[in-house]
PDBML (XML) file of the C-alpha atoms, coordinates in Angstrom:
<?xml version="1.0" encoding="UTF-8" ?>
<PDBx:datablock datablockName="MODEL"
   xmlns:PDBx="http://pdbml.pdb.org/schema/pdbx-v50.xsd"
   xmlns:xsi="http://www.w3.org/2001/XMLSchema-instance"
   xsi:schemaLocation="http://pdbml.pdb.org/schema/pdbx-v50.xsd pdbx-v50.xsd">
   <PDBx:atom_siteCategory>
      <PDBx:atom_site id="1">
         <PDBx:B_iso_or_equiv>0.00</PDBx:B_iso_or_equiv>
         <PDBx:Cartn_x>-73.814</PDBx:Cartn_x>
         <PDBx:Cartn_y>59.761</PDBx:Cartn_y>
         <PDBx:Cartn_z>-18.211</PDBx:Cartn_z>
         <PDBx:auth_asym_id>A</PDBx:auth_asym_id>
         <PDBx:auth_atom_id>CA</PDBx:auth_atom_id>
         <PDBx:auth_comp_id>UNK</PDBx:auth_comp_id>
         <PDBx:auth_seq_id>1</PDBx:auth_seq_id>
         <PDBx:group_PDB>ATOM</PDBx:group_PDB>
         <PDBx:label_alt_id xsi:nil="true" />
         <PDBx:label_asym_id>A</PDBx:label_asym_id>
         <PDBx:label_atom_id>CA</PDBx:label_atom_id>
         <PDBx:label_comp_id>UNK</PDBx:label_comp_id>
         <PDBx:label_entity_id>1</PDBx:label_entity_id>
         <PDBx:label_seq_id>1</PDBx:label_seq_id>
         <PDBx:occupancy>1.00</PDBx:occupancy>
         <PDBx:pdbx_PDB_model_num>1</PDBx:pdbx_PDB_model_num>
         <PDBx:type_symbol>C</PDBx:type_symbol>
      </PDBx:atom_site>
      <PDBx:atom_site id="2">
         <PDBx:B_iso_or_equiv>0.00</PDBx:B_iso_or_equiv>
         <PDBx:Cartn_x>-75.135</PDBx:Cartn_x>
         <PDBx:Cartn_y>57.476</PDBx:Cartn_y>
         <PDBx:Cartn_z>-20.742</PDBx:Cartn_z>
         <PDBx:auth_asym_id>A</PDBx:auth_asym_id>
         <PDBx:auth_atom_id>CA</PDBx:auth_atom_id>
         <PDBx:auth_comp_id>UNK</PDBx:auth_comp_id>
         <PDBx:auth_seq_id>2</PDBx:auth_seq_id>
         <PDBx:group_PDB>ATOM</PDBx:group_PDB>
         <PDBx:label_alt_id xsi:nil="true" />
         <PDBx:label_asym_id>A</PDBx:label_asym_id>
         <PDBx:label_atom_id>CA</PDBx:label_atom_id>
         <PDBx:label_comp_id>UNK</PDBx:label_comp_id>
         <PDBx:label_entity_id>1</PDBx:label_entity_id>
         <PDBx:label_seq_id>2</PDBx:label_seq_id>
         <PDBx:occupancy>1.00</PDBx:occupancy>
         <PDBx:pdbx_PDB_model_num>1</PDBx:pdbx_PDB_model_num>
         <PDBx:type_symbol>C</PDBx:type_symbol>
      </PDBx:atom_site>
      <PDBx:atom_site id="3">
         <PDBx:B_iso_or_equiv>0.00</PDBx:B_iso_or_equiv>
         <PDBx:Cartn_x>-71.734</PDBx:Cartn_x>
         <PDBx:Cartn_y>55.866</PDBx:Cartn_y>
         <PDBx:Cartn_z>-20.879</PDBx:Cartn_z>
         <PDBx:auth_asym_id>A</PDBx:auth_asym_id>
         <PDBx:auth_atom_id>CA</PDBx:auth_atom_id>
         <PDBx:auth_comp_id>UNK</PDBx:auth_comp_id>
         <PDBx:auth_seq_id>3</PDBx:auth_seq_id>
         <PDBx:group_PDB>ATOM</PDBx:group_PDB>
         <PDBx:label_alt_id xsi:nil="true" />
         <PDBx:label_asym_id>A</PDBx:label_asym_id>
         <PDBx:label_atom_id>CA</PDBx:label_atom_id>
         <PDBx:label_comp_id>UNK</PDBx:label_comp_id>
         <PDBx:label_entity_id>1</PDBx:label_entity_id>
         <PDBx:label_seq_id>3</PDBx:label_seq_id>
         <PDBx:occupancy>1.00</PDBx:occupancy>
         <PDBx:pdbx_PDB_model_num>1</PDBx:pdbx_PDB_model_num>
         <PDBx:type_symbol>C</PDBx:type_symbol>
      </PDBx:atom_site>
      <PDBx:atom_site id="4">
         <PDBx:B_iso_or_equiv>0.00</PDBx:B_iso_or_equiv>
         <PDBx:Cartn_x>-70.132</PDBx:Cartn_x>
         <PDBx:Cartn_y>53.536</PDBx:Cartn_y>
         <PDBx:Cartn_z>-23.628</PDBx:Cartn_z>
         <PDBx:auth_asym_id>A</PDBx:auth_asym_id>
         <PDBx:auth_atom_id>CA</PDBx:auth_atom_id>
         <PDBx:auth_comp_id>UNK</PDBx:auth_comp_id>
         <PDBx:auth_seq_id>4</PDBx:auth_seq_id>
         <PDBx:group_PDB>ATOM</PDBx:group_PDB>
         <PDBx:label_alt_id xsi:nil="true" />
         <PDBx:label_asym_id>A</PDBx:label_asym_id>
         <PDBx:label_atom_id>CA</PDBx:label_atom_id>
         <PDBx:label_comp_id>UNK</PDBx:label_comp_id>
         <PDBx:label_entity_id>1</PDBx:label_entity_id>
         <PDBx:label_seq_id>4</PDBx:label_seq_id>
         <PDBx:occupancy>1.00</PDBx:occupancy>
         <PDBx:pdbx_PDB_model_num>1</PDBx:pdbx_PDB_model_num>
         <PDBx:type_symbol>C</PDBx:type_symbol>
      </PDBx:atom_site>
      <PDBx:atom_site id="5">
         <PDBx:B_iso_or_equiv>0.00</PDBx:B_iso_or_equiv>
         <PDBx:Cartn_x>-66.509</PDBx:Cartn_x>
         <PDBx:Cartn_y>52.388</PDBx:Cartn_y>
         <PDBx:Cartn_z>-25.002</PDBx:Cartn_z>
         <PDBx:auth_asym_id>A</PDBx:auth_asym_id>
         <PDBx:auth_atom_id>CA</PDBx:auth_atom_id>
         <PDBx:auth_comp_id>UNK</PDBx:auth_comp_id>
         <PDBx:auth_seq_id>5</PDBx:auth_seq_id>
         <PDBx:group_PDB>ATOM</PDBx:group_PDB>
         <PDBx:label_alt_id xsi:nil="true" />
         <PDBx:label_asym_id>A</PDBx:label_asym_id>
         <PDBx:label_atom_id>CA</PDBx:label_atom_id>
         <PDBx:label_comp_id>UNK</PDBx:label_comp_id>
         <PDBx:label_entity_id>1</PDBx:label_entity_id>
         <PDBx:label_seq_id>5</PDBx:label_seq_id>
         <PDBx:occupancy>1.00</PDBx:occupancy>
         <PDBx:pdbx_PDB_model_num>1</PDBx:pdbx_PDB_model_num>
         <PDBx:type_symbol>C</PDBx:type_symbol>
      </PDBx:atom_site>
      <PDBx:atom_site id="6">
         <PDBx:B_iso_or_equiv>0.00</PDBx:B_iso_or_equiv>
         <PDBx:Cartn_x>-66.739</PDBx:Cartn_x>
         <PDBx:Cartn_y>52.215</PDBx:Cartn_y>
         <PDBx:Cartn_z>-29.453</PDBx:Cartn_z>
         <PDBx:auth_asym_id>A</PDBx:auth_asym_id>
         <PDBx:auth_atom_id>CA</PDBx:auth_atom_id>
         <PDBx:auth_comp_id>UNK</PDBx:auth_comp_id>
         <PDBx:auth_seq_id>6</PDBx:auth_seq_id>
         <PDBx:group_PDB>ATOM</PDBx:group_PDB>
         <PDBx:label_alt_id xsi:nil="true" />
         <PDBx:label_asym_id>A</PDBx:label_asym_id>
         <PDBx:label_atom_id>CA</PDBx:label_atom_id>
         <PDBx:label_comp_id>UNK</PDBx:label_comp_id>
         <PDBx:label_entity_id>1</PDBx:label_entity_id>
         <PDBx:label_seq_id>6</PDBx:label_seq_id>
         <PDBx:occupancy>1.00</PDBx:occupancy>
         <PDBx:pdbx_PDB_model_num>1</PDBx:pdbx_PDB_model_num>
         <PDBx:type_symbol>C</PDBx:type_symbol>
      </PDBx:atom_site>
      <PDBx:atom_site id="7">
         <PDBx:B_iso_or_equiv>0.00</PDBx:B_iso_or_equiv>
         <PDBx:Cartn_x>-64.205</PDBx:Cartn_x>
         <PDBx:Cartn_y>48.657</PDBx:Cartn_y>
         <PDBx:Cartn_z>-29.296</PDBx:Cartn_z>
         <PDBx:auth_asym_id>A</PDBx:auth_asym_id>
         <PDBx:auth_atom_id>CA</PDBx:auth_atom_id>
         <PDBx:auth_comp_id>UNK</PDBx:auth_comp_id>
         <PDBx:auth_seq_id>7</PDBx:auth_seq_id>
         <PDBx:group_PDB>ATOM</PDBx:group_PDB>
         <PDBx:label_alt_id xsi:nil="true" />
         <PDBx:label_asym_id>A</PDBx:label_asym_id>
         <PDBx:label_atom_id>CA</PDBx:label_atom_id>
         <PDBx:label_comp_id>UNK</PDBx:label_comp_id>
         <PDBx:label_entity_id>1</PDBx:label_entity_id>
         <PDBx:label_seq_id>7</PDBx:label_seq_id>
         <PDBx:occupancy>1.00</PDBx:occupancy>
         <PDBx:pdbx_PDB_model_num>1</PDBx:pdbx_PDB_model_num>
         <PDBx:type_symbol>C</PDBx:type_symbol>
      </PDBx:atom_site>
      <PDBx:atom_site id="8">
         <PDBx:B_iso_or_equiv>0.00</PDBx:B_iso_or_equiv>
         <PDBx:Cartn_x>-63.130</PDBx:Cartn_x>
         <PDBx:Cartn_y>46.770</PDBx:Cartn_y>
         <PDBx:Cartn_z>-32.355</PDBx:Cartn_z>
         <PDBx:auth_asym_id>A</PDBx:auth_asym_id>
         <PDBx:auth_atom_id>CA</PDBx:auth_atom_id>
         <PDBx:auth_comp_id>UNK</PDBx:auth_comp_id>
         <PDBx:auth_seq_id>8</PDBx:auth_seq_id>
         <PDBx:group_PDB>ATOM</PDBx:group_PDB>
         <PDBx:label_alt_id xsi:nil="true" />
         <PDBx:label_asym_id>A</PDBx:label_asym_id>
         <PDBx:label_atom_id>CA</PDBx:label_atom_id>
         <PDBx:label_comp_id>UNK</PDBx:label_comp_id>
         <PDBx:label_entity_id>1</PDBx:label_entity_id>
         <PDBx:label_seq_id>8</PDBx:label_seq_id>
         <PDBx:occupancy>1.00</PDBx:occupancy>
         <PDBx:pdbx_PDB_model_num>1</PDBx:pdbx_PDB_model_num>
         <PDBx:type_symbol>C</PDBx:type_symbol>
      </PDBx:atom_site>
      <PDBx:atom_site id="9">
         <PDBx:B_iso_or_equiv>0.00</PDBx:B_iso_or_equiv>
         <PDBx:Cartn_x>-64.547</PDBx:Cartn_x>
         <PDBx:Cartn_y>42.982</PDBx:Cartn_y>
         <PDBx:Cartn_z>-31.432</PDBx:Cartn_z>
         <PDBx:auth_asym_id>A</PDBx:auth_asym_id>
         <PDBx:auth_atom_id>CA</PDBx:auth_atom_id>
         <PDBx:auth_comp_id>UNK</PDBx:auth_comp_id>
         <PDBx:auth_seq_id>9</PDBx:auth_seq_id>
         <PDBx:group_PDB>ATOM</PDBx:group_PDB>
         <PDBx:label_alt_id xsi:nil="true" />
         <PDBx:label_asym_id>A</PDBx:label_asym_id>
         <PDBx:label_atom_id>CA</PDBx:label_atom_id>
         <PDBx:label_comp_id>UNK</PDBx:label_comp_id>
         <PDBx:label_entity_id>1</PDBx:label_entity_id>
         <PDBx:label_seq_id>9</PDBx:label_seq_id>
         <PDBx:occupancy>1.00</PDBx:occupancy>
         <PDBx:pdbx_PDB_model_num>1</PDBx:pdbx_PDB_model_num>
         <PDBx:type_symbol>C</PDBx:type_symbol>
      </PDBx:atom_site>
      <PDBx:atom_site id="10">
         <PDBx:B_iso_or_equiv>0.00</PDBx:B_iso_or_equiv>
         <PDBx:Cartn_x>-63.315</PDBx:Cartn_x>
         <PDBx:Cartn_y>39.767</PDBx:Cartn_y>
         <PDBx:Cartn_z>-33.121</PDBx:Cartn_z>
         <PDBx:auth_asym_id>A</PDBx:auth_asym_id>
         <PDBx:auth_atom_id>CA</PDBx:auth_atom_id>
         <PDBx:auth_comp_id>UNK</PDBx:auth_comp_id>
         <PDBx:auth_seq_id>10</PDBx:auth_seq_id>
         <PDBx:group_PDB>ATOM</PDBx:group_PDB>
         <PDBx:label_alt_id xsi:nil="true" />
         <PDBx:label_asym_id>A</PDBx:label_asym_id>
         <PDBx:label_atom_id>CA</PDBx:label_atom_id>
         <PDBx:label_comp_id>UNK</PDBx:label_comp_id>
         <PDBx:label_entity_id>1</PDBx:label_entity_id>
         <PDBx:label_seq_id>10</PDBx:label_seq_id>
         <PDBx:occupancy>1.00</PDBx:occupancy>
         <PDBx:pdbx_PDB_model_num>1</PDBx:pdbx_PDB_model_num>
         <PDBx:type_symbol>C</PDBx:type_symbol>
      </PDBx:atom_site>
      <PDBx:atom_site id="11">
         <PDBx:B_iso_or_equiv>0.00</PDBx:B_iso_or_equiv>
         <PDBx:Cartn_x>-64.392</PDBx:Cartn_x>
         <PDBx:Cartn_y>36.237</PDBx:Cartn_y>
         <PDBx:Cartn_z>-32.470</PDBx:Cartn_z>
         <PDBx:auth_asym_id>A</PDBx:auth_asym_id>
         <PDBx:auth_atom_id>CA</PDBx:auth_atom_id>
         <PDBx:auth_comp_id>UNK</PDBx:auth_comp_id>
         <PDBx:auth_seq_id>11</PDBx:auth_seq_id>
         <PDBx:group_PDB>ATOM</PDBx:group_PDB>
         <PDBx:label_alt_id xsi:nil="true" />
         <PDBx:label_asym_id>A</PDBx:label_asym_id>
         <PDBx:label_atom_id>CA</PDBx:label_atom_id>
         <PDBx:label_comp_id>UNK</PDBx:label_comp_id>
         <PDBx:label_entity_id>1</PDBx:label_entity_id>
         <PDBx:label_seq_id>11</PDBx:label_seq_id>
         <PDBx:occupancy>1.00</PDBx:occupancy>
         <PDBx:pdbx_PDB_model_num>1</PDBx:pdbx_PDB_model_num>
         <PDBx:type_symbol>C</PDBx:type_symbol>
      </PDBx:atom_site>
      <PDBx:atom_site id="12">
         <PDBx:B_iso_or_equiv>0.00</PDBx:B_iso_or_equiv>
         <PDBx:Cartn_x>-63.109</PDBx:Cartn_x>
         <PDBx:Cartn_y>33.814</PDBx:Cartn_y>
         <PDBx:Cartn_z>-29.965</PDBx:Cartn_z>
         <PDBx:auth_asym_id>A</PDBx:auth_asym_id>
         <PDBx:auth_atom_id>CA</PDBx:auth_atom_id>
         <PDBx:auth_comp_id>UNK</PDBx:auth_comp_id>
         <PDBx:auth_seq_id>12</PDBx:auth_seq_id>
         <PDBx:group_PDB>ATOM</PDBx:group_PDB>
         <PDBx:label_alt_id xsi:nil="true" />
         <PDBx:label_asym_id>A</PDBx:label_asym_id>
         <PDBx:label_atom_id>CA</PDBx:label_atom_id>
         <PDBx:label_comp_id>UNK</PDBx:label_comp_id>
         <PDBx:label_entity_id>1</PDBx:label_entity_id>
         <PDBx:label_seq_id>12</PDBx:label_seq_id>
         <PDBx:occupancy>1.00</PDBx:occupancy>
         <PDBx:pdbx_PDB_model_num>1</PDBx:pdbx_PDB_model_num>
         <PDBx:type_symbol>C</PDBx:type_symbol>
      </PDBx:atom_site>
      <PDBx:atom_site id="13">
         <PDBx:B_iso_or_equiv>0.00</PDBx:B_iso_or_equiv>
         <PDBx:Cartn_x>-61.480</PDBx:Cartn_x>
         <PDBx:Cartn_y>32.196</PDBx:Cartn_y>
         <PDBx:Cartn_z>-32.258</PDBx:Cartn_z>
         <PDBx:auth_asym_id>A</PDBx:auth_asym_id>
         <PDBx:auth_atom_id>CA</PDBx:auth_atom_id>
         <PDBx:auth_comp_id>UNK</PDBx:auth_comp_id>
         <PDBx:auth_seq_id>13</PDBx:auth_seq_id>
         <PDBx:group_PDB>ATOM</PDBx:group_PDB>
         <PDBx:label_alt_id xsi:nil="true" />
         <PDBx:label_asym_id>A</PDBx:label_asym_id>
         <PDBx:label_atom_id>CA</PDBx:label_atom_id>
         <PDBx:label_comp_id>UNK</PDBx:label_comp_id>
         <PDBx:label_entity_id>1</PDBx:label_entity_id>
         <PDBx:label_seq_id>13</PDBx:label_seq_id>
         <PDBx:occupancy>1.00</PDBx:occupancy>
         <PDBx:pdbx_PDB_model_num>1</PDBx:pdbx_PDB_model_num>
         <PDBx:type_symbol>C</PDBx:type_symbol>
      </PDBx:atom_site>
      <PDBx:atom_site id="14">
         <PDBx:B_iso_or_equiv>0.00</PDBx:B_iso_or_equiv>
         <PDBx:Cartn_x>-59.200</PDBx:Cartn_x>
         <PDBx:Cartn_y>33.878</PDBx:Cartn_y>
         <PDBx:Cartn_z>-33.302</PDBx:Cartn_z>
         <PDBx:auth_asym_id>A</PDBx:auth_asym_id>
         <PDBx:auth_atom_id>CA</PDBx:auth_atom_id>
         <PDBx:auth_comp_id>UNK</PDBx:auth_comp_id>
         <PDBx:auth_seq_id>14</PDBx:auth_seq_id>
         <PDBx:group_PDB>ATOM</PDBx:group_PDB>
         <PDBx:label_alt_id xsi:nil="true" />
         <PDBx:label_asym_id>A</PDBx:label_asym_id>
         <PDBx:label_atom_id>CA</PDBx:label_atom_id>
         <PDBx:label_comp_id>UNK</PDBx:label_comp_id>
         <PDBx:label_entity_id>1</PDBx:label_entity_id>
         <PDBx:label_seq_id>14</PDBx:label_seq_id>
         <PDBx:occupancy>1.00</PDBx:occupancy>
         <PDBx:pdbx_PDB_model_num>1</PDBx:pdbx_PDB_model_num>
         <PDBx:type_symbol>C</PDBx:type_symbol>
      </PDBx:atom_site>
      <PDBx:atom_site id="15">
         <PDBx:B_iso_or_equiv>0.00</PDBx:B_iso_or_equiv>
         <PDBx:Cartn_x>-58.150</PDBx:Cartn_x>
         <PDBx:Cartn_y>35.401</PDBx:Cartn_y>
         <PDBx:Cartn_z>-30.449</PDBx:Cartn_z>
         <PDBx:auth_asym_id>A</PDBx:auth_asym_id>
         <PDBx:auth_atom_id>CA</PDBx:auth_atom_id>
         <PDBx:auth_comp_id>UNK</PDBx:auth_comp_id>
         <PDBx:auth_seq_id>15</PDBx:auth_seq_id>
         <PDBx:group_PDB>ATOM</PDBx:group_PDB>
         <PDBx:label_alt_id xsi:nil="true" />
         <PDBx:label_asym_id>A</PDBx:label_asym_id>
         <PDBx:label_atom_id>CA</PDBx:label_atom_id>
         <PDBx:label_comp_id>UNK</PDBx:label_comp_id>
         <PDBx:label_entity_id>1</PDBx:label_entity_id>
         <PDBx:label_seq_id>15</PDBx:label_seq_id>
         <PDBx:occupancy>1.00</PDBx:occupancy>
         <PDBx:pdbx_PDB_model_num>1</PDBx:pdbx_PDB_model_num>
         <PDBx:type_symbol>C</PDBx:type_symbol>
      </PDBx:atom_site>
      <PDBx:atom_site id="16">
         <PDBx:B_iso_or_equiv>0.00</PDBx:B_iso_or_equiv>
         <PDBx:Cartn_x>-55.455</PDBx:Cartn_x>
         <PDBx:Cartn_y>33.522</PDBx:Cartn_y>
         <PDBx:Cartn_z>-29.746</PDBx:Cartn_z>
         <PDBx:auth_asym_id>A</PDBx:auth_asym_id>
         <PDBx:auth_atom_id>CA</PDBx:auth_atom_id>
         <PDBx:auth_comp_id>UNK</PDBx:auth_comp_id>
         <PDBx:auth_seq_id>16</PDBx:auth_seq_id>
         <PDBx:group_PDB>ATOM</PDBx:group_PDB>
         <PDBx:label_alt_id xsi:nil="true" />
         <PDBx:label_asym_id>A</PDBx:label_asym_id>
         <PDBx:label_atom_id>CA</PDBx:label_atom_id>
         <PDBx:label_comp_id>UNK</PDBx:label_comp_id>
         <PDBx:label_entity_id>1</PDBx:label_entity_id>
         <PDBx:label_seq_id>16</PDBx:label_seq_id>
         <PDBx:occupancy>1.00</PDBx:occupancy>
         <PDBx:pdbx_PDB_model_num>1</PDBx:pdbx_PDB_model_num>
         <PDBx:type_symbol>C</PDBx:type_symbol>
      </PDBx:atom_site>
      <PDBx:atom_site id="17">
         <PDBx:B_iso_or_equiv>0.00</PDBx:B_iso_or_equiv>
         <PDBx:Cartn_x>-53.884</PDBx:Cartn_x>
         <PDBx:Cartn_y>34.320</PDBx:Cartn_y>
         <PDBx:Cartn_z>-32.576</PDBx:Cartn_z>
         <PDBx:auth_asym_id>A</PDBx:auth_asym_id>
         <PDBx:auth_atom_id>CA</PDBx:auth_atom_id>
         <PDBx:auth_comp_id>UNK</PDBx:auth_comp_id>
         <PDBx:auth_seq_id>17</PDBx:auth_seq_id>
         <PDBx:group_PDB>ATOM</PDBx:group_PDB>
         <PDBx:label_alt_id xsi:nil="true" />
         <PDBx:label_asym_id>A</PDBx:label_asym_id>
         <PDBx:label_atom_id>CA</PDBx:label_atom_id>
         <PDBx:label_comp_id>UNK</PDBx:label_comp_id>
         <PDBx:label_entity_id>1</PDBx:label_entity_id>
         <PDBx:label_seq_id>17</PDBx:label_seq_id>
         <PDBx:occupancy>1.00</PDBx:occupancy>
         <PDBx:pdbx_PDB_model_num>1</PDBx:pdbx_PDB_model_num>
         <PDBx:type_symbol>C</PDBx:type_symbol>
      </PDBx:atom_site>
      <PDBx:atom_site id="18">
         <PDBx:B_iso_or_equiv>0.00</PDBx:B_iso_or_equiv>
         <PDBx:Cartn_x>-55.248</PDBx:Cartn_x>
         <PDBx:Cartn_y>38.445</PDBx:Cartn_y>
         <PDBx:Cartn_z>-31.995</PDBx:Cartn_z>
         <PDBx:auth_asym_id>A</PDBx:auth_asym_id>
         <PDBx:auth_atom_id>CA</PDBx:auth_atom_id>
         <PDBx:auth_comp_id>UNK</PDBx:auth_comp_id>
         <PDBx:auth_seq_id>18</PDBx:auth_seq_id>
         <PDBx:group_PDB>ATOM</PDBx:group_PDB>
         <PDBx:label_alt_id xsi:nil="true" />
         <PDBx:label_asym_id>A</PDBx:label_asym_id>
         <PDBx:label_atom_id>CA</PDBx:label_atom_id>
         <PDBx:label_comp_id>UNK</PDBx:label_comp_id>
         <PDBx:label_entity_id>1</PDBx:label_entity_id>
         <PDBx:label_seq_id>18</PDBx:label_seq_id>
         <PDBx:occupancy>1.00</PDBx:occupancy>
         <PDBx:pdbx_PDB_model_num>1</PDBx:pdbx_PDB_model_num>
         <PDBx:type_symbol>C</PDBx:type_symbol>
      </PDBx:atom_site>
      <PDBx:atom_site id="19">
         <PDBx:B_iso_or_equiv>0.00</PDBx:B_iso_or_equiv>
         <PDBx:Cartn_x>-53.093</PDBx:Cartn_x>
         <PDBx:Cartn_y>37.950</PDBx:Cartn_y>
         <PDBx:Cartn_z>-28.975</PDBx:Cartn_z>
         <PDBx:auth_asym_id>A</PDBx:auth_asym_id>
         <PDBx:auth_atom_id>CA</PDBx:auth_atom_id>
         <PDBx:auth_comp_id>UNK</PDBx:auth_comp_id>
         <PDBx:auth_seq_id>19</PDBx:auth_seq_id>
         <PDBx:group_PDB>ATOM</PDBx:group_PDB>
         <PDBx:label_alt_id xsi:nil="true" />
         <PDBx:label_asym_id>A</PDBx:label_asym_id>
         <PDBx:label_atom_id>CA</PDBx:label_atom_id>
         <PDBx:label_comp_id>UNK</PDBx:label_comp_id>
         <PDBx:label_entity_id>1</PDBx:label_entity_id>
         <PDBx:label_seq_id>19</PDBx:label_seq_id>
         <PDBx:occupancy>1.00</PDBx:occupancy>
         <PDBx:pdbx_PDB_model_num>1</PDBx:pdbx_PDB_model_num>
         <PDBx:type_symbol>C</PDBx:type_symbol>
      </PDBx:atom_site>
      <PDBx:atom_site id="20">
         <PDBx:B_iso_or_equiv>0.00</PDBx:B_iso_or_equiv>
         <PDBx:Cartn_x>-49.177</PDBx:Cartn_x>
         <PDBx:Cartn_y>36.874</PDBx:Cartn_y>
         <PDBx:Cartn_z>-30.925</PDBx:Cartn_z>
         <PDBx:auth_asym_id>A</PDBx:auth_asym_id>
         <PDBx:auth_atom_id>CA</PDBx:auth_atom_id>
         <PDBx:auth_comp_id>UNK</PDBx:auth_comp_id>
         <PDBx:auth_seq_id>20</PDBx:auth_seq_id>
         <PDBx:group_PDB>ATOM</PDBx:group_PDB>
         <PDBx:label_alt_id xsi:nil="true" />
         <PDBx:label_asym_id>A</PDBx:label_asym_id>
         <PDBx:label_atom_id>CA</PDBx:label_atom_id>
         <PDBx:label_comp_id>UNK</PDBx:label_comp_id>
         <PDBx:label_entity_id>1</PDBx:label_entity_id>
         <PDBx:label_seq_id>20</PDBx:label_seq_id>
         <PDBx:occupancy>1.00</PDBx:occupancy>
         <PDBx:pdbx_PDB_model_num>1</PDBx:pdbx_PDB_model_num>
         <PDBx:type_symbol>C</PDBx:type_symbol>
      </PDBx:atom_site>
      <PDBx:atom_site id="21">
         <PDBx:B_iso_or_equiv>0.00</PDBx:B_iso_or_equiv>
         <PDBx:Cartn_x>-49.802</PDBx:Cartn_x>
         <PDBx:Cartn_y>38.679</PDBx:Cartn_y>
         <PDBx:Cartn_z>-32.995</PDBx:Cartn_z>
         <PDBx:auth_asym_id>A</PDBx:auth_asym_id>
         <PDBx:auth_atom_id>CA</PDBx:auth_atom_id>
         <PDBx:auth_comp_id>UNK</PDBx:auth_comp_id>
         <PDBx:auth_seq_id>21</PDBx:auth_seq_id>
         <PDBx:group_PDB>ATOM</PDBx:group_PDB>
         <PDBx:label_alt_id xsi:nil="true" />
         <PDBx:label_asym_id>A</PDBx:label_asym_id>
         <PDBx:label_atom_id>CA</PDBx:label_atom_id>
         <PDBx:label_comp_id>UNK</PDBx:label_comp_id>
         <PDBx:label_entity_id>1</PDBx:label_entity_id>
         <PDBx:label_seq_id>21</PDBx:label_seq_id>
         <PDBx:occupancy>1.00</PDBx:occupancy>
         <PDBx:pdbx_PDB_model_num>1</PDBx:pdbx_PDB_model_num>
         <PDBx:type_symbol>C</PDBx:type_symbol>
      </PDBx:atom_site>
      <PDBx:atom_site id="22">
         <PDBx:B_iso_or_equiv>0.00</PDBx:B_iso_or_equiv>
         <PDBx:Cartn_x>-51.513</PDBx:Cartn_x>
         <PDBx:Cartn_y>42.499</PDBx:Cartn_y>
         <PDBx:Cartn_z>-31.244</PDBx:Cartn_z>
         <PDBx:auth_asym_id>A</PDBx:auth_asym_id>
         <PDBx:auth_atom_id>CA</PDBx:auth_atom_id>
         <PDBx:auth_comp_id>UNK</PDBx:auth_comp_id>
         <PDBx:auth_seq_id>22</PDBx:auth_seq_id>
         <PDBx:group_PDB>ATOM</PDBx:group_PDB>
         <PDBx:label_alt_id xsi:nil="true" />
         <PDBx:label_asym_id>A</PDBx:label_asym_id>
         <PDBx:label_atom_id>CA</PDBx:label_atom_id>
         <PDBx:label_comp_id>UNK</PDBx:label_comp_id>
         <PDBx:label_entity_id>1</PDBx:label_entity_id>
         <PDBx:label_seq_id>22</PDBx:label_seq_id>
         <PDBx:occupancy>1.00</PDBx:occupancy>
         <PDBx:pdbx_PDB_model_num>1</PDBx:pdbx_PDB_model_num>
         <PDBx:type_symbol>C</PDBx:type_symbol>
      </PDBx:atom_site>
      <PDBx:atom_site id="23">
         <PDBx:B_iso_or_equiv>0.00</PDBx:B_iso_or_equiv>
         <PDBx:Cartn_x>-53.414</PDBx:Cartn_x>
         <PDBx:Cartn_y>44.902</PDBx:Cartn_y>
         <PDBx:Cartn_z>-33.441</PDBx:Cartn_z>
         <PDBx:auth_asym_id>A</PDBx:auth_asym_id>
         <PDBx:auth_atom_id>CA</PDBx:auth_atom_id>
         <PDBx:auth_comp_id>UNK</PDBx:auth_comp_id>
         <PDBx:auth_seq_id>23</PDBx:auth_seq_id>
         <PDBx:group_PDB>ATOM</PDBx:group_PDB>
         <PDBx:label_alt_id xsi:nil="true" />
         <PDBx:label_asym_id>A</PDBx:label_asym_id>
         <PDBx:label_atom_id>CA</PDBx:label_atom_id>
         <PDBx:label_comp_id>UNK</PDBx:label_comp_id>
         <PDBx:label_entity_id>1</PDBx:label_entity_id>
         <PDBx:label_seq_id>23</PDBx:label_seq_id>
         <PDBx:occupancy>1.00</PDBx:occupancy>
         <PDBx:pdbx_PDB_model_num>1</PDBx:pdbx_PDB_model_num>
         <PDBx:type_symbol>C</PDBx:type_symbol>
      </PDBx:atom_site>
      <PDBx:atom_site id="24">
         <PDBx:B_iso_or_equiv>0.00</PDBx:B_iso_or_equiv>
         <PDBx:Cartn_x>-51.148</PDBx:Cartn_x>
         <PDBx:Cartn_y>44.046</PDBx:Cartn_y>
         <PDBx:Cartn_z>-36.959</PDBx:Cartn_z>
         <PDBx:auth_asym_id>A</PDBx:auth_asym_id>
         <PDBx:auth_atom_id>CA</PDBx:auth_atom_id>
         <PDBx:auth_comp_id>UNK</PDBx:auth_comp_id>
         <PDBx:auth_seq_id>24</PDBx:auth_seq_id>
         <PDBx:group_PDB>ATOM</PDBx:group_PDB>
         <PDBx:label_alt_id xsi:nil="true" />
         <PDBx:label_asym_id>A</PDBx:label_asym_id>
         <PDBx:label_atom_id>CA</PDBx:label_atom_id>
         <PDBx:label_comp_id>UNK</PDBx:label_comp_id>
         <PDBx:label_entity_id>1</PDBx:label_entity_id>
         <PDBx:label_seq_id>24</PDBx:label_seq_id>
         <PDBx:occupancy>1.00</PDBx:occupancy>
         <PDBx:pdbx_PDB_model_num>1</PDBx:pdbx_PDB_model_num>
         <PDBx:type_symbol>C</PDBx:type_symbol>
      </PDBx:atom_site>
      <PDBx:atom_site id="25">
         <PDBx:B_iso_or_equiv>0.00</PDBx:B_iso_or_equiv>
         <PDBx:Cartn_x>-53.674</PDBx:Cartn_x>
         <PDBx:Cartn_y>41.106</PDBx:Cartn_y>
         <PDBx:Cartn_z>-36.739</PDBx:Cartn_z>
         <PDBx:auth_asym_id>A</PDBx:auth_asym_id>
         <PDBx:auth_atom_id>CA</PDBx:auth_atom_id>
         <PDBx:auth_comp_id>UNK</PDBx:auth_comp_id>
         <PDBx:auth_seq_id>25</PDBx:auth_seq_id>
         <PDBx:group_PDB>ATOM</PDBx:group_PDB>
         <PDBx:label_alt_id xsi:nil="true" />
         <PDBx:label_asym_id>A</PDBx:label_asym_id>
         <PDBx:label_atom_id>CA</PDBx:label_atom_id>
         <PDBx:label_comp_id>UNK</PDBx:label_comp_id>
         <PDBx:label_entity_id>1</PDBx:label_entity_id>
         <PDBx:label_seq_id>25</PDBx:label_seq_id>
         <PDBx:occupancy>1.00</PDBx:occupancy>
         <PDBx:pdbx_PDB_model_num>1</PDBx:pdbx_PDB_model_num>
         <PDBx:type_symbol>C</PDBx:type_symbol>
      </PDBx:atom_site>
   </PDBx:atom_siteCategory>
</PDBx:datablock>
């Protein structure tokens, strides 16, 4: 119970750049 995840989140405006670079962004 009390399930969740710990994640990295970025502004939506940077998503395209992140998709190109992966976590190297």
